[in-house]
Amino acid sequence: AGFRAALSRAQANDEIPPTPPIGTTANQLVLETLGLNLAVRIGPDPDRLHSLFEAAHHTVRTLQPTADR
């Protein structure tokens, strides 16, 4: 719900594009957050964590207007 609310506010303020759908993006962010949390608990392999963080960061970057990337 937190990601959905934040994304909704950002769309309402024209800070992010109207696509992809907010629900899809919020779910993706939840999955990535849970995945990073689980990876840390399993064993903090720095290379693996960096790779996972980069994947999550990519999702956030795709929300930014092109000029900000």
PDB file of N, CA and C in Angstrom:
ATOM      1  N   ALA A   1       0.832  -1.191   0.000  1.00  0.00           N
ATOM      2  CA  ALA A   1       0.000   0.000   0.000  1.00  0.00           C
ATOM      3  C   ALA A   1       0.876   1.255   0.000  1.00  0.00           C
ATOM      4  N   GLY A   2       2.018   1.189   0.687  1.00  0.00           N
ATOM      5  CA  GLY A   2       2.914   2.343   0.740  1.00  0.00           C
ATOM      6  C   GLY A   2       3.497   2.702  -0.618  1.00  0.00           C
ATOM      7  N   PHE A   3       3.953   1.688  -1.332  1.00  0.00           N
ATOM      8  CA  PHE A   3       4.486   1.947  -2.675  1.00  0.00           C
ATOM      9  C   PHE A   3       3.379   2.481  -3.586  1.00  0.00           C
ATOM     10  N   ARG A   4       2.212   1.885  -3.508  1.00  0.00           N
ATOM     11  CA  ARG A   4       1.084   2.312  -4.349  1.00  0.00           C
ATOM     12  C   ARG A   4       0.740   3.778  -4.068  1.00  0.00           C
ATOM     13  N   ALA A   5       0.680   4.156  -2.793  1.00  0.00           N
ATOM     14  CA  ALA A   5       0.350   5.538  -2.424  1.00  0.00           C
ATOM     15  C   ALA A   5       1.422   6.508  -2.926  1.00  0.00           C
ATOM     16  N   ALA A   6       2.686   6.146  -2.737  1.00  0.00           N
ATOM     17  CA  ALA A   6       3.774   7.017  -3.185  1.00  0.00           C
ATOM     18  C   ALA A   6       3.771   7.179  -4.703  1.00  0.00           C
ATOM     19  N   LEU A   7       3.542   6.088  -5.406  1.00  0.00           N
ATOM     20  CA  LEU A   7       3.489   6.150  -6.873  1.00  0.00           C
ATOM     21  C   LEU A   7       2.289   6.966  -7.343  1.00  0.00           C
ATOM     22  N   SER A   8       1.172   6.817  -6.673  1.00  0.00           N
ATOM     23  CA  SER A   8      -0.030   7.595  -7.028  1.00  0.00           C
ATOM     24  C   SER A   8       0.228   9.087  -6.864  1.00  0.00           C
ATOM     25  N   ARG A   9       0.859   9.461  -5.740  1.00  0.00           N
ATOM     26  CA  ARG A   9       1.181  10.881  -5.520  1.00  0.00           C
ATOM     27  C   ARG A   9       2.141  11.388  -6.598  1.00  0.00           C
ATOM     28  N   ALA A  10       3.131  10.586  -6.913  1.00  0.00           N
ATOM     29  CA  ALA A  10       4.114  10.997  -7.916  1.00  0.00           C
ATOM     30  C   ALA A  10       3.451  11.175  -9.281  1.00  0.00           C
ATOM     31  N   GLN A  11       2.536  10.289  -9.631  1.00  0.00           N
ATOM     32  CA  GLN A  11       1.824  10.443 -10.905  1.00  0.00           C
ATOM     33  C   GLN A  11       0.937  11.675 -10.883  1.00  0.00           C
ATOM     34  N   ALA A  12       0.246  11.903  -9.782  1.00  0.00           N
ATOM     35  CA  ALA A  12      -0.640  13.070  -9.672  1.00  0.00           C
ATOM     36  C   ALA A  12       0.140  14.376  -9.791  1.00  0.00           C
ATOM     37  N   ASN A  13       1.396  14.370  -9.356  1.00  0.00           N
ATOM     38  CA  ASN A  13       2.256  15.557  -9.432  1.00  0.00           C
ATOM     39  C   ASN A  13       3.094  15.595 -10.703  1.00  0.00           C
ATOM     40  N   ASP A  14       2.793  14.701 -11.655  1.00  0.00           N
ATOM     41  CA  ASP A  14       3.532  14.603 -12.924  1.00  0.00           C
ATOM     42  C   ASP A  14       5.030  14.393 -12.711  1.00  0.00           C
ATOM     43  N   GLU A  15       5.382  13.670 -11.649  1.00  0.00           N
ATOM     44  CA  GLU A  15       6.780  13.370 -11.375  1.00  0.00           C
ATOM     45  C   GLU A  15       7.231  12.071 -12.043  1.00  0.00           C
ATOM     46  N   ILE A  16       6.282  11.217 -12.366  1.00  0.00           N
ATOM     47  CA  ILE A  16       6.567   9.977 -13.088  1.00  0.00           C
ATOM     48  C   ILE A  16       5.527   9.825 -14.182  1.00  0.00           C
ATOM     49  N   PRO A  17       5.849   9.074 -15.230  1.00  0.00           N
ATOM     50  CA  PRO A  17       4.897   8.887 -16.328  1.00  0.00           C
ATOM     51  C   PRO A  17       3.695   8.045 -15.891  1.00  0.00           C
ATOM     52  N   PRO A  18       2.578   8.150 -16.611  1.00  0.00           N
ATOM     53  CA  PRO A  18       1.367   7.410 -16.247  1.00  0.00           C
ATOM     54  C   PRO A  18       1.457   5.907 -16.496  1.00  0.00           C
ATOM     55  N   THR A  19       2.459   5.463 -17.193  1.00  0.00           N
ATOM     56  CA  THR A  19       2.632   4.032 -17.421  1.00  0.00           C
ATOM     57  C   THR A  19       4.012   3.634 -16.941  1.00  0.00           C
ATOM     58  N   PRO A  20       4.237   2.444 -16.509  1.00  0.00           N
ATOM     59  CA  PRO A  20       3.323   1.314 -16.397  1.00  0.00           C
ATOM     60  C   PRO A  20       2.302   1.542 -15.274  1.00  0.00           C
ATOM     61  N   PRO A  21       1.292   0.667 -15.232  1.00  0.00           N
ATOM     62  CA  PRO A  21       0.260   0.827 -14.211  1.00  0.00           C
ATOM     63  C   PRO A  21       0.853   0.841 -12.795  1.00  0.00           C
ATOM     64  N   ILE A  22       0.285   1.674 -11.944  1.00  0.00           N
ATOM     65  CA  ILE A  22       0.774   1.821 -10.577  1.00  0.00           C
ATOM     66  C   ILE A  22       0.788   0.484  -9.838  1.00  0.00           C
ATOM     67  N   GLY A  23      -0.270  -0.287  -9.967  1.00  0.00           N
ATOM     68  CA  GLY A  23      -0.338  -1.571  -9.260  1.00  0.00           C
ATOM     69  C   GLY A  23       0.783  -2.509  -9.657  1.00  0.00           C
ATOM     70  N   THR A  24       1.082  -2.566 -10.924  1.00  0.00           N
ATOM     71  CA  THR A  24       2.165  -3.424 -11.421  1.00  0.00           C
ATOM     72  C   THR A  24       3.506  -2.972 -10.872  1.00  0.00           C
ATOM     73  N   THR A  25       3.755  -1.678 -10.921  1.00  0.00           N
ATOM     74  CA  THR A  25       5.020  -1.149 -10.427  1.00  0.00           C
ATOM     75  C   THR A  25       5.140  -1.336  -8.919  1.00  0.00           C
ATOM     76  N   ALA A  26       4.073  -1.095  -8.181  1.00  0.00           N
ATOM     77  CA  ALA A  26       4.093  -1.279  -6.724  1.00  0.00           C
ATOM     78  C   ALA A  26       4.395  -2.741  -6.385  1.00  0.00           C
ATOM     79  N   ASN A  27       3.754  -3.656  -7.088  1.00  0.00           N
ATOM     80  CA  ASN A  27       4.016  -5.085  -6.844  1.00  0.00           C
ATOM     81  C   ASN A  27       5.458  -5.448  -7.159  1.00  0.00           C
ATOM     82  N   GLN A  28       6.000  -4.897  -8.232  1.00  0.00           N
ATOM     83  CA  GLN A  28       7.396  -5.162  -8.597  1.00  0.00           C
ATOM     84  C   GLN A  28       8.333  -4.674  -7.499  1.00  0.00           C
ATOM     85  N   LEU A  29       8.063  -3.479  -6.973  1.00  0.00           N
ATOM     86  CA  LEU A  29       8.903  -2.936  -5.908  1.00  0.00           C
ATOM     87  C   LEU A  29       8.803  -3.771  -4.632  1.00  0.00           C
ATOM     88  N   VAL A  30       7.616  -4.277  -4.326  1.00  0.00           N
ATOM     89  CA  VAL A  30       7.455  -5.147  -3.157  1.00  0.00           C
ATOM     90  C   VAL A  30       8.277  -6.419  -3.344  1.00  0.00           C
ATOM     91  N   LEU A  31       8.164  -7.027  -4.500  1.00  0.00           N
ATOM     92  CA  LEU A  31       8.930  -8.251  -4.764  1.00  0.00           C
ATOM     93  C   LEU A  31      10.429  -8.010  -4.667  1.00  0.00           C
ATOM     94  N   GLU A  32      10.880  -6.903  -5.214  1.00  0.00           N
ATOM     95  CA  GLU A  32      12.311  -6.609  -5.178  1.00  0.00           C
ATOM     96  C   GLU A  32      12.775  -6.331  -3.746  1.00  0.00           C
ATOM     97  N   THR A  33      11.982  -5.625  -2.977  1.00  0.00           N
ATOM     98  CA  THR A  33      12.336  -5.342  -1.585  1.00  0.00           C
ATOM     99  C   THR A  33      12.402  -6.631  -0.773  1.00  0.00           C
ATOM    100  N   LEU A  34      11.406  -7.478  -0.931  1.00  0.00           N
ATOM    101  CA  LEU A  34      11.407  -8.756  -0.215  1.00  0.00           C
ATOM    102  C   LEU A  34      12.578  -9.631  -0.656  1.00  0.00           C
ATOM    103  N   GLY A  35      12.869  -9.621  -1.942  1.00  0.00           N
ATOM    104  CA  GLY A  35      13.988 -10.407  -2.453  1.00  0.00           C
ATOM    105  C   GLY A  35      15.320  -9.945  -1.894  1.00  0.00           C
ATOM    106  N   LEU A  36      15.521  -8.635  -1.832  1.00  0.00           N
ATOM    107  CA  LEU A  36      16.764  -8.115  -1.249  1.00  0.00           C
ATOM    108  C   LEU A  36      16.867  -8.481   0.229  1.00  0.00           C
ATOM    109  N   ASN A  37      15.772  -8.355   0.947  1.00  0.00           N
ATOM    110  CA  ASN A  37      15.756  -8.706   2.367  1.00  0.00           C
ATOM    111  C   ASN A  37      16.108 -10.181   2.561  1.00  0.00           C
ATOM    112  N   LEU A  38      15.519 -11.031   1.757  1.00  0.00           N
ATOM    113  CA  LEU A  38      15.785 -12.469   1.857  1.00  0.00           C
ATOM    114  C   LEU A  38      17.243 -12.776   1.506  1.00  0.00           C
ATOM    115  N   ALA A  39      17.752 -12.129   0.474  1.00  0.00           N
ATOM    116  CA  ALA A  39      19.142 -12.369   0.063  1.00  0.00           C
ATOM    117  C   ALA A  39      20.116 -11.995   1.172  1.00  0.00           C
ATOM    118  N   VAL A  40      19.841 -10.915   1.874  1.00  0.00           N
ATOM    119  CA  VAL A  40      20.702 -10.504   2.983  1.00  0.00           C
ATOM    120  C   VAL A  40      20.658 -11.540   4.098  1.00  0.00           C
ATOM    121  N   ARG A  41      19.478 -12.060   4.382  1.00  0.00           N
ATOM    122  CA  ARG A  41      19.335 -13.046   5.460  1.00  0.00           C
ATOM    123  C   ARG A  41      19.999 -14.373   5.116  1.00  0.00           C
ATOM    124  N   ILE A  42      19.932 -14.759   3.851  1.00  0.00           N
ATOM    125  CA  ILE A  42      20.506 -16.041   3.427  1.00  0.00           C
ATOM    126  C   ILE A  42      22.021 -16.018   3.540  1.00  0.00           C
ATOM    127  N   GLY A  43      22.600 -14.954   3.111  1.00  0.00           N
ATOM    128  CA  GLY A  43      24.061 -14.849   3.158  1.00  0.00           C
ATOM    129  C   GLY A  43      24.493 -13.638   2.383  1.00  0.00           C
ATOM    130  N   PRO A  44      25.087 -12.683   3.065  1.00  0.00           N
ATOM    131  CA  PRO A  44      25.407 -11.408   2.424  1.00  0.00           C
ATOM    132  C   PRO A  44      26.602 -11.473   1.467  1.00  0.00           C
ATOM    133  N   ASP A  45      26.416 -12.096   0.338  1.00  0.00           N
ATOM    134  CA  ASP A  45      27.441 -12.127  -0.712  1.00  0.00           C
ATOM    135  C   ASP A  45      27.427 -10.762  -1.409  1.00  0.00           C
ATOM    136  N   PRO A  46      28.455  -9.947  -1.240  1.00  0.00           N
ATOM    137  CA  PRO A  46      28.445  -8.590  -1.778  1.00  0.00           C
ATOM    138  C   PRO A  46      28.171  -8.513  -3.282  1.00  0.00           C
ATOM    139  N   ASP A  47      28.752  -9.411  -4.062  1.00  0.00           N
ATOM    140  CA  ASP A  47      28.525  -9.376  -5.509  1.00  0.00           C
ATOM    141  C   ASP A  47      27.068  -9.668  -5.847  1.00  0.00           C
ATOM    142  N   ARG A  48      26.492 -10.649  -5.182  1.00  0.00           N
ATOM    143  CA  ARG A  48      25.084 -11.003  -5.427  1.00  0.00           C
ATOM    144  C   ARG A  48      24.164  -9.870  -4.984  1.00  0.00           C
ATOM    145  N   LEU A  49      24.434  -9.299  -3.820  1.00  0.00           N
ATOM    146  CA  LEU A  49      23.600  -8.197  -3.340  1.00  0.00           C
ATOM    147  C   LEU A  49      23.694  -6.995  -4.266  1.00  0.00           C
ATOM    148  N   HIS A  50      24.884  -6.720  -4.762  1.00  0.00           N
ATOM    149  CA  HIS A  50      25.043  -5.603  -5.703  1.00  0.00           C
ATOM    150  C   HIS A  50      24.216  -5.843  -6.963  1.00  0.00           C
ATOM    151  N   SER A  51      24.261  -7.051  -7.473  1.00  0.00           N
ATOM    152  CA  SER A  51      23.499  -7.398  -8.666  1.00  0.00           C
ATOM    153  C   SER A  51      21.996  -7.244  -8.428  1.00  0.00           C
ATOM    154  N   LEU A  52      21.537  -7.714  -7.279  1.00  0.00           N
ATOM    155  CA  LEU A  52      20.112  -7.594  -6.951  1.00  0.00           C
ATOM    156  C   LEU A  52      19.710  -6.134  -6.763  1.00  0.00           C
ATOM    157  N   PHE A  53      20.571  -5.370  -6.105  1.00  0.00           N
ATOM    158  CA  PHE A  53      20.277  -3.952  -5.930  1.00  0.00           C
ATOM    159  C   PHE A  53      20.197  -3.245  -7.279  1.00  0.00           C
ATOM    160  N   GLU A  54      21.100  -3.558  -8.183  1.00  0.00           N
ATOM    161  CA  GLU A  54      21.076  -2.945  -9.514  1.00  0.00           C
ATOM    162  C   GLU A  54      19.770  -3.258 -10.240  1.00  0.00           C
ATOM    163  N   ALA A  55      19.268  -4.477 -10.101  1.00  0.00           N
ATOM    164  CA  ALA A  55      17.995  -4.844 -10.730  1.00  0.00           C
ATOM    165  C   ALA A  55      16.851  -4.015 -10.149  1.00  0.00           C
ATOM    166  N   ALA A  56      16.838  -3.852  -8.821  1.00  0.00           N
ATOM    167  CA  ALA A  56      15.792  -3.043  -8.183  1.00  0.00           C
ATOM    168  C   ALA A  56      15.932  -1.571  -8.581  1.00  0.00           C
ATOM    169  N   HIS A  57      17.153  -1.096  -8.635  1.00  0.00           N
ATOM    170  CA  HIS A  57      17.399   0.295  -9.017  1.00  0.00           C
ATOM    171  C   HIS A  57      16.939   0.557 -10.444  1.00  0.00           C
ATOM    172  N   HIS A  58      17.069  -0.428 -11.314  1.00  0.00           N
ATOM    173  CA  HIS A  58      16.607  -0.295 -12.690  1.00  0.00           C
ATOM    174  C   HIS A  58      15.101  -0.001 -12.722  1.00  0.00           C
ATOM    175  N   THR A  59      14.333  -0.688 -11.885  1.00  0.00           N
ATOM    176  CA  THR A  59      12.891  -0.448 -11.832  1.00  0.00           C
ATOM    177  C   THR A  59      12.613   1.003 -11.481  1.00  0.00           C
ATOM    178  N   VAL A  60      13.314   1.527 -10.505  1.00  0.00           N
ATOM    179  CA  VAL A  60      13.099   2.912 -10.086  1.00  0.00           C
ATOM    180  C   VAL A  60      13.522   3.877 -11.195  1.00  0.00           C
ATOM    181  N   ARG A  61      14.654   3.600 -11.838  1.00  0.00           N
ATOM    182  CA  ARG A  61      15.121   4.477 -12.922  1.00  0.00           C
ATOM    183  C   ARG A  61      14.136   4.537 -14.065  1.00  0.00           C
ATOM    184  N   THR A  62      13.430   3.438 -14.346  1.00  0.00           N
ATOM    185  CA  THR A  62      12.480   3.451 -15.465  1.00  0.00           C
ATOM    186  C   THR A  62      11.297   4.371 -15.190  1.00  0.00           C
ATOM    187  N   LEU A  63      11.084   4.740 -13.942  1.00  0.00           N
ATOM    188  CA  LEU A  63       9.993   5.647 -13.595  1.00  0.00           C
ATOM    189  C   LEU A  63      10.363   7.112 -13.803  1.00  0.00           C
ATOM    190  N   GLN A  64      11.638   7.394 -13.872  1.00  0.00           N
ATOM    191  CA  GLN A  64      12.085   8.766 -13.994  1.00  0.00           C
ATOM    192  C   GLN A  64      11.893   9.282 -15.417  1.00  0.00           C
ATOM    193  N   PRO A  65      11.558  10.563 -15.547  1.00  0.00           N
ATOM    194  CA  PRO A  65      11.511  11.143 -16.903  1.00  0.00           C
ATOM    195  C   PRO A  65      12.849  10.949 -17.588  1.00  0.00           C
ATOM    196  N   THR A  66      12.857  10.829 -18.876  1.00  0.00           N
ATOM    197  CA  THR A  66      14.051  10.531 -19.660  1.00  0.00           C
ATOM    198  C   THR A  66      15.190  11.500 -19.360  1.00  0.00           C
ATOM    199  N   ALA A  67      14.909  12.761 -19.193  1.00  0.00           N
ATOM    200  CA  ALA A  67      15.955  13.759 -18.953  1.00  0.00           C
ATOM    201  C   ALA A  67      16.680  13.531 -17.628  1.00  0.00           C
ATOM    202  N   ASP A  68      16.024  12.851 -16.670  1.00  0.00           N
ATOM    203  CA  ASP A  68      16.620  12.629 -15.360  1.00  0.00           C
ATOM    204  C   ASP A  68      17.410  11.331 -15.267  1.00  0.00           C
ATOM    205  N   ARG A  69      17.397  10.504 -16.277  1.00  0.00           N
ATOM    206  CA  ARG A  69      18.068   9.196 -16.202  1.00  0.00           C
ATOM    207  C   ARG A  69      19.549   9.335 -16.362  1.00  0.00           C
TER     208      ARG A  69
END
